[in-house]
Amino acid sequence: MNITELFKPFFGRWQSQENSHNFIFSDCKEISIINMAWAIYDPTIVEICKIYDFDIVWNQKQNFANYIPAVSKLC
């Protein structure tokens, strides 16, 4: 299972919400960032990020979590 498949259940959930954005992975062709206000509280997301060595940064000013994949390590 690739990283896109792992995150597929979470894609698009907040696309219509103001100040929330989803950027879907593109097979390591570009760096992708997922901004999801709820994700920091979701243990599944946190575990996936740990397994795949993602950086998790909490941006208090914007009040959302930034999940930044270490693309070079995934490819």
PDB file of N, CA and C in Angstrom:
ATOM      1  N   MET A   1       0.845  -1.192   0.000  1.00  0.00           N
ATOM      2  CA  MET A   1       0.000   0.000   0.000  1.00  0.00           C
ATOM      3  C   MET A   1       0.884   1.247   0.000  1.00  0.00           C
ATOM      4  N   ASN A   2       0.606   2.161  -0.929  1.00  0.00           N
ATOM      5  CA  ASN A   2       1.419   3.374  -0.991  1.00  0.00           C
ATOM      6  C   ASN A   2       0.817   4.466  -0.112  1.00  0.00           C
ATOM      7  N   ILE A   3       1.544   5.547   0.005  1.00  0.00           N
ATOM      8  CA  ILE A   3       1.137   6.614   0.914  1.00  0.00           C
ATOM      9  C   ILE A   3      -0.177   7.251   0.486  1.00  0.00           C
ATOM     10  N   THR A   4      -0.426   7.313  -0.807  1.00  0.00           N
ATOM     11  CA  THR A   4      -1.687   7.879  -1.291  1.00  0.00           C
ATOM     12  C   THR A   4      -2.870   7.038  -0.833  1.00  0.00           C
ATOM     13  N   GLU A   5      -2.719   5.709  -0.906  1.00  0.00           N
ATOM     14  CA  GLU A   5      -3.792   4.814  -0.466  1.00  0.00           C
ATOM     15  C   GLU A   5      -4.064   4.975   1.025  1.00  0.00           C
ATOM     16  N   LEU A   6      -2.996   5.147   1.806  1.00  0.00           N
ATOM     17  CA  LEU A   6      -3.163   5.305   3.249  1.00  0.00           C
ATOM     18  C   LEU A   6      -3.986   6.541   3.592  1.00  0.00           C
ATOM     19  N   PHE A   7      -3.759   7.626   2.836  1.00  0.00           N
ATOM     20  CA  PHE A   7      -4.420   8.886   3.157  1.00  0.00           C
ATOM     21  C   PHE A   7      -5.749   9.080   2.432  1.00  0.00           C
ATOM     22  N   LYS A   8      -6.074   8.184   1.504  1.00  0.00           N
ATOM     23  CA  LYS A   8      -7.271   8.372   0.678  1.00  0.00           C
ATOM     24  C   LYS A   8      -8.551   8.611   1.490  1.00  0.00           C
ATOM     25  N   PRO A   9      -8.761   7.915   2.622  1.00  0.00           N
ATOM     26  CA  PRO A   9     -10.000   8.154   3.375  1.00  0.00           C
ATOM     27  C   PRO A   9     -10.132   9.583   3.903  1.00  0.00           C
ATOM     28  N   PHE A  10      -9.016  10.317   3.965  1.00  0.00           N
ATOM     29  CA  PHE A  10      -9.038  11.645   4.556  1.00  0.00           C
ATOM     30  C   PHE A  10      -9.101  12.758   3.512  1.00  0.00           C
ATOM     31  N   PHE A  11      -8.917  12.426   2.230  1.00  0.00           N
ATOM     32  CA  PHE A  11      -8.882  13.446   1.189  1.00  0.00           C
ATOM     33  C   PHE A  11     -10.250  14.095   1.009  1.00  0.00           C
ATOM     34  N   GLY A  12     -10.243  15.398   0.817  1.00  0.00           N
ATOM     35  CA  GLY A  12     -11.447  16.110   0.433  1.00  0.00           C
ATOM     36  C   GLY A  12     -12.420  16.420   1.547  1.00  0.00           C
ATOM     37  N   ARG A  13     -12.131  15.938   2.744  1.00  0.00           N
ATOM     38  CA  ARG A  13     -13.108  16.067   3.808  1.00  0.00           C
ATOM     39  C   ARG A  13     -13.358  17.528   4.190  1.00  0.00           C
ATOM     40  N   TRP A  14     -12.308  18.340   4.086  1.00  0.00           N
ATOM     41  CA  TRP A  14     -12.428  19.732   4.515  1.00  0.00           C
ATOM     42  C   TRP A  14     -12.248  20.720   3.368  1.00  0.00           C
ATOM     43  N   GLN A  15     -12.345  20.275   2.135  1.00  0.00           N
ATOM     44  CA  GLN A  15     -12.079  21.165   1.013  1.00  0.00           C
ATOM     45  C   GLN A  15     -13.050  22.344   0.955  1.00  0.00           C
ATOM     46  N   SER A  16     -14.258  22.157   1.438  1.00  0.00           N
ATOM     47  CA  SER A  16     -15.243  23.236   1.365  1.00  0.00           C
ATOM     48  C   SER A  16     -15.211  24.136   2.597  1.00  0.00           C
ATOM     49  N   GLN A  17     -14.377  23.796   3.561  1.00  0.00           N
ATOM     50  CA  GLN A  17     -14.291  24.594   4.777  1.00  0.00           C
ATOM     51  C   GLN A  17     -13.309  25.746   4.585  1.00  0.00           C
ATOM     52  N   GLU A  18     -13.691  26.907   5.073  1.00  0.00           N
ATOM     53  CA  GLU A  18     -12.825  28.077   4.974  1.00  0.00           C
ATOM     54  C   GLU A  18     -11.540  27.843   5.767  1.00  0.00           C
ATOM     55  N   ASN A  19     -10.422  28.289   5.213  1.00  0.00           N
ATOM     56  CA  ASN A  19      -9.106  28.191   5.846  1.00  0.00           C
ATOM     57  C   ASN A  19      -8.602  26.757   5.992  1.00  0.00           C
ATOM     58  N   SER A  20      -9.199  25.823   5.241  1.00  0.00           N
ATOM     59  CA  SER A  20      -8.697  24.449   5.250  1.00  0.00           C
ATOM     60  C   SER A  20      -8.398  24.031   3.818  1.00  0.00           C
ATOM     61  N   HIS A  21      -7.310  23.315   3.638  1.00  0.00           N
ATOM     62  CA  HIS A  21      -6.875  22.955   2.292  1.00  0.00           C
ATOM     63  C   HIS A  21      -6.305  21.544   2.295  1.00  0.00           C
ATOM     64  N   ASN A  22      -6.575  20.812   1.251  1.00  0.00           N
ATOM     65  CA  ASN A  22      -5.991  19.489   1.074  1.00  0.00           C
ATOM     66  C   ASN A  22      -5.200  19.464  -0.223  1.00  0.00           C
ATOM     67  N   PHE A  23      -3.964  19.007  -0.150  1.00  0.00           N
ATOM     68  CA  PHE A  23      -3.137  18.828  -1.334  1.00  0.00           C
ATOM     69  C   PHE A  23      -2.802  17.345  -1.431  1.00  0.00           C
ATOM     70  N   ILE A  24      -3.311  16.691  -2.457  1.00  0.00           N
ATOM     71  CA  ILE A  24      -3.146  15.246  -2.583  1.00  0.00           C
ATOM     72  C   ILE A  24      -1.751  14.925  -3.102  1.00  0.00           C
ATOM     73  N   PHE A  25      -1.193  13.837  -2.605  1.00  0.00           N
ATOM     74  CA  PHE A  25       0.134  13.403  -3.024  1.00  0.00           C
ATOM     75  C   PHE A  25       0.165  13.097  -4.518  1.00  0.00           C
ATOM     76  N   SER A  26       1.310  13.308  -5.119  1.00  0.00           N
ATOM     77  CA  SER A  26       1.448  13.107  -6.558  1.00  0.00           C
ATOM     78  C   SER A  26       2.622  12.178  -6.861  1.00  0.00           C
ATOM     79  N   ASP A  27       2.628  11.012  -6.220  1.00  0.00           N
ATOM     80  CA  ASP A  27       3.649   9.999  -6.486  1.00  0.00           C
ATOM     81  C   ASP A  27       5.061  10.558  -6.416  1.00  0.00           C
ATOM     82  N   CYS A  28       5.286  11.380  -5.406  1.00  0.00           N
ATOM     83  CA  CYS A  28       6.619  11.925  -5.141  1.00  0.00           C
ATOM     84  C   CYS A  28       7.091  12.897  -6.215  1.00  0.00           C
ATOM     85  N   LYS A  29       6.212  13.359  -7.071  1.00  0.00           N
ATOM     86  CA  LYS A  29       6.610  14.310  -8.112  1.00  0.00           C
ATOM     87  C   LYS A  29       6.623  15.741  -7.593  1.00  0.00           C
ATOM     88  N   GLU A  30       5.927  15.971  -6.491  1.00  0.00           N
ATOM     89  CA  GLU A  30       5.937  17.307  -5.913  1.00  0.00           C
ATOM     90  C   GLU A  30       5.737  17.173  -4.409  1.00  0.00           C
ATOM     91  N   ILE A  31       6.233  18.155  -3.672  1.00  0.00           N
ATOM     92  CA  ILE A  31       6.042  18.149  -2.228  1.00  0.00           C
ATOM     93  C   ILE A  31       4.590  18.489  -1.938  1.00  0.00           C
ATOM     94  N   SER A  32       3.974  17.701  -1.093  1.00  0.00           N
ATOM     95  CA  SER A  32       2.567  17.898  -0.784  1.00  0.00           C
ATOM     96  C   SER A  32       2.404  18.254   0.678  1.00  0.00           C
ATOM     97  N   ILE A  33       1.462  19.122   0.949  1.00  0.00           N
ATOM     98  CA  ILE A  33       1.152  19.524   2.314  1.00  0.00           C
ATOM     99  C   ILE A  33      -0.337  19.320   2.538  1.00  0.00           C
ATOM    100  N   ILE A  34      -0.682  18.719   3.649  1.00  0.00           N
ATOM    101  CA  ILE A  34      -2.087  18.563   4.008  1.00  0.00           C
ATOM    102  C   ILE A  34      -2.351  19.446   5.217  1.00  0.00           C
ATOM    103  N   ASN A  35      -3.261  20.373   5.076  1.00  0.00           N
ATOM    104  CA  ASN A  35      -3.654  21.233   6.190  1.00  0.00           C
ATOM    105  C   ASN A  35      -5.033  20.800   6.665  1.00  0.00           C
ATOM    106  N   MET A  36      -5.106  20.247   7.858  1.00  0.00           N
ATOM    107  CA  MET A  36      -6.381  19.771   8.373  1.00  0.00           C
ATOM    108  C   MET A  36      -6.478  20.111   9.846  1.00  0.00           C
ATOM    109  N   ALA A  37      -7.449  20.924  10.187  1.00  0.00           N
ATOM    110  CA  ALA A  37      -7.569  21.381  11.565  1.00  0.00           C
ATOM    111  C   ALA A  37      -7.796  20.230  12.533  1.00  0.00           C
ATOM    112  N   TRP A  38      -8.459  19.172  12.064  1.00  0.00           N
ATOM    113  CA  TRP A  38      -8.800  18.052  12.938  1.00  0.00           C
ATOM    114  C   TRP A  38      -7.709  17.007  13.025  1.00  0.00           C
ATOM    115  N   ALA A  39      -6.738  17.051  12.116  1.00  0.00           N
ATOM    116  CA  ALA A  39      -5.816  15.925  11.964  1.00  0.00           C
ATOM    117  C   ALA A  39      -4.915  15.721  13.170  1.00  0.00           C
ATOM    118  N   ILE A  40      -4.547  16.801  13.841  1.00  0.00           N
ATOM    119  CA  ILE A  40      -3.633  16.674  14.965  1.00  0.00           C
ATOM    120  C   ILE A  40      -4.251  15.834  16.080  1.00  0.00           C
ATOM    121  N   TYR A  41      -5.572  15.742  16.105  1.00  0.00           N
ATOM    122  CA  TYR A  41      -6.253  14.958  17.134  1.00  0.00           C
ATOM    123  C   TYR A  41      -6.547  13.533  16.681  1.00  0.00           C
ATOM    124  N   ASP A  42      -6.228  13.216  15.442  1.00  0.00           N
ATOM    125  CA  ASP A  42      -6.566  11.906  14.881  1.00  0.00           C
ATOM    126  C   ASP A  42      -5.382  10.968  15.051  1.00  0.00           C
ATOM    127  N   PRO A  43      -5.487   9.958  15.929  1.00  0.00           N
ATOM    128  CA  PRO A  43      -4.340   9.079  16.184  1.00  0.00           C
ATOM    129  C   PRO A  43      -3.903   8.305  14.949  1.00  0.00           C
ATOM    130  N   THR A  44      -4.842   8.028  14.034  1.00  0.00           N
ATOM    131  CA  THR A  44      -4.465   7.312  12.815  1.00  0.00           C
ATOM    132  C   THR A  44      -3.495   8.139  11.990  1.00  0.00           C
ATOM    133  N   ILE A  45      -3.815   9.412  11.812  1.00  0.00           N
ATOM    134  CA  ILE A  45      -2.941  10.305  11.055  1.00  0.00           C
ATOM    135  C   ILE A  45      -1.592  10.430  11.736  1.00  0.00           C
ATOM    136  N   VAL A  46      -1.602  10.598  13.048  1.00  0.00           N
ATOM    137  CA  VAL A  46      -0.342  10.753  13.772  1.00  0.00           C
ATOM    138  C   VAL A  46       0.517   9.509  13.617  1.00  0.00           C
ATOM    139  N   GLU A  47      -0.081   8.323  13.700  1.00  0.00           N
ATOM    140  CA  GLU A  47       0.681   7.082  13.563  1.00  0.00           C
ATOM    141  C   GLU A  47       1.242   6.932  12.154  1.00  0.00           C
ATOM    142  N   ILE A  48       0.440   7.250  11.145  1.00  0.00           N
ATOM    143  CA  ILE A  48       0.930   7.177   9.767  1.00  0.00           C
ATOM    144  C   ILE A  48       2.119   8.112   9.587  1.00  0.00           C
ATOM    145  N   CYS A  49       2.019   9.304  10.152  1.00  0.00           N
ATOM    146  CA  CYS A  49       3.106  10.262  10.030  1.00  0.00           C
ATOM    147  C   CYS A  49       4.362   9.749  10.725  1.00  0.00           C
ATOM    148  N   LYS A  50       4.197   9.063  11.853  1.00  0.00           N
ATOM    149  CA  LYS A  50       5.354   8.490  12.540  1.00  0.00           C
ATOM    150  C   LYS A  50       5.986   7.383  11.701  1.00  0.00           C
ATOM    151  N   ILE A  51       5.140   6.504  11.172  1.00  0.00           N
ATOM    152  CA  ILE A  51       5.648   5.366  10.401  1.00  0.00           C
ATOM    153  C   ILE A  51       6.424   5.844   9.180  1.00  0.00           C
ATOM    154  N   TYR A  52       5.907   6.855   8.499  1.00  0.00           N
ATOM    155  CA  TYR A  52       6.514   7.318   7.260  1.00  0.00           C
ATOM    156  C   TYR A  52       7.414   8.530   7.450  1.00  0.00           C
ATOM    157  N   ASP A  53       7.747   8.831   8.715  1.00  0.00           N
ATOM    158  CA  ASP A  53       8.723   9.874   9.026  1.00  0.00           C
ATOM    159  C   ASP A  53       8.290  11.232   8.475  1.00  0.00           C
ATOM    160  N   PHE A  54       7.049  11.608   8.747  1.00  0.00           N
ATOM    161  CA  PHE A  54       6.585  12.944   8.392  1.00  0.00           C
ATOM    162  C   PHE A  54       7.000  13.917   9.490  1.00  0.00           C
ATOM    163  N   ASP A  55       7.126  15.178   9.118  1.00  0.00           N
ATOM    164  CA  ASP A  55       7.291  16.236  10.102  1.00  0.00           C
ATOM    165  C   ASP A  55       5.902  16.767  10.458  1.00  0.00           C
ATOM    166  N   ILE A  56       5.643  16.892  11.750  1.00  0.00           N
ATOM    167  CA  ILE A  56       4.363  17.423  12.196  1.00  0.00           C
ATOM    168  C   ILE A  56       4.618  18.750  12.894  1.00  0.00           C
ATOM    169  N   VAL A  57       4.038  19.811  12.359  1.00  0.00           N
ATOM    170  CA  VAL A  57       4.252  21.150  12.897  1.00  0.00           C
ATOM    171  C   VAL A  57       2.896  21.761  13.249  1.00  0.00           C
ATOM    172  N   TRP A  58       2.764  22.230  14.464  1.00  0.00           N
ATOM    173  CA  TRP A  58       1.517  22.881  14.872  1.00  0.00           C
ATOM    174  C   TRP A  58       1.669  24.380  14.706  1.00  0.00           C
ATOM    175  N   ASN A  59       0.845  24.955  13.865  1.00  0.00           N
ATOM    176  CA  ASN A  59       0.889  26.386  13.589  1.00  0.00           C
ATOM    177  C   ASN A  59      -0.232  27.060  14.379  1.00  0.00           C
ATOM    178  N   GLN A  60       0.113  27.589  15.560  1.00  0.00           N
ATOM    179  CA  GLN A  60      -0.916  28.153  16.428  1.00  0.00           C
ATOM    180  C   GLN A  60      -1.544  29.409  15.832  1.00  0.00           C
ATOM    181  N   LYS A  61      -0.760  30.185  15.101  1.00  0.00           N
ATOM    182  CA  LYS A  61      -1.293  31.423  14.525  1.00  0.00           C
ATOM    183  C   LYS A  61      -2.424  31.124  13.546  1.00  0.00           C
ATOM    184  N   GLN A  62      -2.232  30.103  12.714  1.00  0.00           N
ATOM    185  CA  GLN A  62      -3.250  29.739  11.730  1.00  0.00           C
ATOM    186  C   GLN A  62      -4.233  28.708  12.277  1.00  0.00           C
ATOM    187  N   ASN A  63      -3.870  28.120  13.433  1.00  0.00           N
ATOM    188  CA  ASN A  63      -4.740  27.148  14.094  1.00  0.00           C
ATOM    189  C   ASN A  63      -5.024  25.919  13.235  1.00  0.00           C
ATOM    190  N   PHE A  64      -4.014  25.433  12.545  1.00  0.00           N
ATOM    191  CA  PHE A  64      -4.132  24.133  11.886  1.00  0.00           C
ATOM    192  C   PHE A  64      -2.798  23.407  11.926  1.00  0.00           C
ATOM    193  N   ALA A  65      -2.860  22.120  11.712  1.00  0.00           N
ATOM    194  CA  ALA A  65      -1.649  21.311  11.715  1.00  0.00           C
ATOM    195  C   ALA A  65      -1.130  21.188  10.295  1.00  0.00           C
ATOM    196  N   ASN A  66       0.166  21.341  10.119  1.00  0.00           N
ATOM    197  CA  ASN A  66       0.794  21.155   8.811  1.00  0.00           C
ATOM    198  C   ASN A  66       1.519  19.819   8.807  1.00  0.00           C
ATOM    199  N   TYR A  67       1.138  18.960   7.891  1.00  0.00           N
ATOM    200  CA  TYR A  67       1.807  17.675   7.733  1.00  0.00           C
ATOM    201  C   TYR A  67       2.665  17.754   6.478  1.00  0.00           C
ATOM    202  N   ILE A  68       3.978  17.740   6.657  1.00  0.00           N
ATOM    203  CA  ILE A  68       4.897  17.934   5.541  1.00  0.00           C
ATOM    204  C   ILE A  68       5.655  16.633   5.296  1.00  0.00           C
ATOM    205  N   PRO A  69       5.360  15.929   4.209  1.00  0.00           N
ATOM    206  CA  PRO A  69       6.045  14.666   3.975  1.00  0.00           C
ATOM    207  C   PRO A  69       7.508  14.867   3.635  1.00  0.00           C
ATOM    208  N   ALA A  70       8.338  14.001   4.185  1.00  0.00           N
ATOM    209  CA  ALA A  70       9.757  14.006   3.824  1.00  0.00           C
ATOM    210  C   ALA A  70       9.874  13.254   2.508  1.00  0.00           C
ATOM    211  N   VAL A  71       9.616  13.962   1.423  1.00  0.00           N
ATOM    212  CA  VAL A  71       9.462  13.331   0.109  1.00  0.00           C
ATOM    213  C   VAL A  71      10.705  12.563  -0.294  1.00  0.00           C
ATOM    214  N   SER A  72      11.871  13.118   0.010  1.00  0.00           N
ATOM    215  CA  SER A  72      13.097  12.442  -0.408  1.00  0.00           C
ATOM    216  C   SER A  72      13.243  11.084   0.271  1.00  0.00           C
ATOM    217  N   LYS A  73      12.661  10.933   1.467  1.00  0.00           N
ATOM    218  CA  LYS A  73      12.751   9.661   2.176  1.00  0.00           C
ATOM    219  C   LYS A  73      11.706   8.665   1.690  1.00  0.00           C
ATOM    220  N   LEU A  74      10.621   9.166   1.108  1.00  0.00           N
ATOM    221  CA  LEU A  74       9.561   8.286   0.635  1.00  0.00           C
ATOM    222  C   LEU A  74       9.830   7.768  -0.770  1.00  0.00           C
ATOM    223  N   CYS A  75      10.638   8.492  -1.545  1.00  0.00           N
ATOM    224  CA  CYS A  75      10.829   8.151  -2.962  1.00  0.00           C
ATOM    225  C   CYS A  75      12.022   7.219  -3.162  1.00  0.00           C
TER     226      CYS A  75
END
